Amino acid sequence: MKHGKTENWNKMKHFTNNAKEILKVMENNKYRQGRSEEQVRGSYIGAFISIIGLIVIGIIALIIS
């Protein structure tokens, strides 16, 4: 009898762990919108470089005018 109860308990732990993993993946994907972490990181780096470029161009435009 103990073996059957332990086996059922292990199955329940397995299902709850799977549910936690699924929730973690869903929460993570909510912000990434299906993109990989590398793609998101690349997008952030590109946006940062673009903003720095706009600031530099703005400063140069102020100096020239």
C-alpha atoms as a PDB file:
ATOM      1  CA  MET A   1       0.000   0.000   0.000  1.00  0.00           C
ATOM      2  CA  LYS A   2       2.745   2.482   0.851  1.00  0.00           C
ATOM      3  CA  HIS A   3       4.315   2.071  -2.568  1.00  0.00           C
ATOM      4  CA  GLY A   4       1.057   3.013  -4.315  1.00  0.00           C
ATOM      5  CA  LYS A   5       0.548   6.122  -2.178  1.00  0.00           C
ATOM      6  CA  THR A   6       4.147   7.229  -2.712  1.00  0.00           C
ATOM      7  CA  GLU A   7       3.822   6.706  -6.440  1.00  0.00           C
ATOM      8  CA  ASN A   8       0.634   8.792  -6.560  1.00  0.00           C
ATOM      9  CA  TRP A   9       2.287  11.522  -4.484  1.00  0.00           C
ATOM     10  CA  ASN A  10       5.253  11.622  -6.871  1.00  0.00           C
ATOM     11  CA  LYS A  11       2.873  11.913  -9.817  1.00  0.00           C
ATOM     12  CA  MET A  12       1.098  14.834  -8.146  1.00  0.00           C
ATOM     13  CA  LYS A  13       4.416  16.572  -7.450  1.00  0.00           C
ATOM     14  CA  HIS A  14       5.350  16.023 -11.095  1.00  0.00           C
ATOM     15  CA  PHE A  15       2.114  17.637 -12.317  1.00  0.00           C
ATOM     16  CA  THR A  16       2.426  20.602  -9.951  1.00  0.00           C
ATOM     17  CA  ASN A  17       6.033  21.141 -11.027  1.00  0.00           C
ATOM     18  CA  ASN A  18       4.934  21.060 -14.666  1.00  0.00           C
ATOM     19  CA  ALA A  19       2.217  23.615 -13.942  1.00  0.00           C
ATOM     20  CA  LYS A  20       4.739  25.911 -12.258  1.00  0.00           C
ATOM     21  CA  GLU A  21       7.068  25.615 -15.260  1.00  0.00           C
ATOM     22  CA  ILE A  22       4.238  26.365 -17.694  1.00  0.00           C
ATOM     23  CA  LEU A  23       3.233  29.452 -15.689  1.00  0.00           C
ATOM     24  CA  LYS A  24       6.861  30.588 -15.614  1.00  0.00           C
ATOM     25  CA  VAL A  25       7.164  30.208 -19.411  1.00  0.00           C
ATOM     26  CA  MET A  26       3.852  31.996 -20.005  1.00  0.00           C
ATOM     27  CA  GLU A  27       4.875  34.892 -17.749  1.00  0.00           C
ATOM     28  CA  ASN A  28       8.237  35.153 -19.480  1.00  0.00           C
ATOM     29  CA  ASN A  29       6.696  35.046 -22.968  1.00  0.00           C
ATOM     30  CA  LYS A  30       4.173  37.770 -22.112  1.00  0.00           C
ATOM     31  CA  TYR A  31       6.891  40.404 -22.346  1.00  0.00           C
ATOM     32  CA  ARG A  32       8.942  38.781 -25.110  1.00  0.00           C
ATOM     33  CA  GLN A  33       5.933  38.150 -27.385  1.00  0.00           C
ATOM     34  CA  GLY A  34       7.270  34.837 -28.660  1.00  0.00           C
ATOM     35  CA  ARG A  35      10.793  36.046 -29.381  1.00  0.00           C
ATOM     36  CA  SER A  36      13.868  34.390 -27.945  1.00  0.00           C
ATOM     37  CA  GLU A  37      15.825  36.106 -25.213  1.00  0.00           C
ATOM     38  CA  GLU A  38      18.674  36.732 -27.669  1.00  0.00           C
ATOM     39  CA  GLN A  39      16.311  38.504 -30.076  1.00  0.00           C
ATOM     40  CA  VAL A  40      14.931  40.686 -27.292  1.00  0.00           C
ATOM     41  CA  ARG A  41      18.437  41.540 -26.112  1.00  0.00           C
ATOM     42  CA  GLY A  42      19.446  42.435 -29.667  1.00  0.00           C
ATOM     43  CA  SER A  43      16.409  44.683 -30.014  1.00  0.00           C
ATOM     44  CA  TYR A  44      17.236  46.466 -26.760  1.00  0.00           C
ATOM     45  CA  ILE A  45      20.842  46.997 -27.831  1.00  0.00           C
ATOM     46  CA  GLY A  46      19.699  48.348 -31.203  1.00  0.00           C
ATOM     47  CA  ALA A  47      17.251  50.737 -29.555  1.00  0.00           C
ATOM     48  CA  PHE A  48      19.946  51.950 -27.140  1.00  0.00           C
ATOM     49  CA  ILE A  49      22.407  52.628 -29.975  1.00  0.00           C
ATOM     50  CA  SER A  50      19.687  54.458 -31.937  1.00  0.00           C
ATOM     51  CA  ILE A  51      18.823  56.698 -28.991  1.00  0.00           C
ATOM     52  CA  ILE A  52      22.497  57.527 -28.395  1.00  0.00           C
ATOM     53  CA  GLY A  53      22.826  58.341 -32.122  1.00  0.00           C
ATOM     54  CA  LEU A  54      19.831  60.691 -31.983  1.00  0.00           C
ATOM     55  CA  ILE A  55      21.278  62.471 -28.959  1.00  0.00           C
ATOM     56  CA  VAL A  56      24.654  62.892 -30.699  1.00  0.00           C
ATOM     57  CA  ILE A  57      22.989  64.204 -33.866  1.00  0.00           C
ATOM     58  CA  GLY A  58      20.928  66.641 -31.748  1.00  0.00           C
ATOM     59  CA  ILE A  59      24.051  67.950 -30.008  1.00  0.00           C
ATOM     60  CA  ILE A  60      25.877  68.355 -33.338  1.00  0.00           C
ATOM     61  CA  ALA A  61      22.852  70.180 -34.806  1.00  0.00           C
ATOM     62  CA  LEU A  62      22.835  72.574 -31.830  1.00  0.00           C
ATOM     63  CA  ILE A  63      26.561  73.243 -32.163  1.00  0.00           C
ATOM     64  CA  ILE A  64      26.383  73.877 -35.919  1.00  0.00           C
ATOM     65  CA  SER A  65      23.344  76.178 -35.813  1.00  0.00           C
END
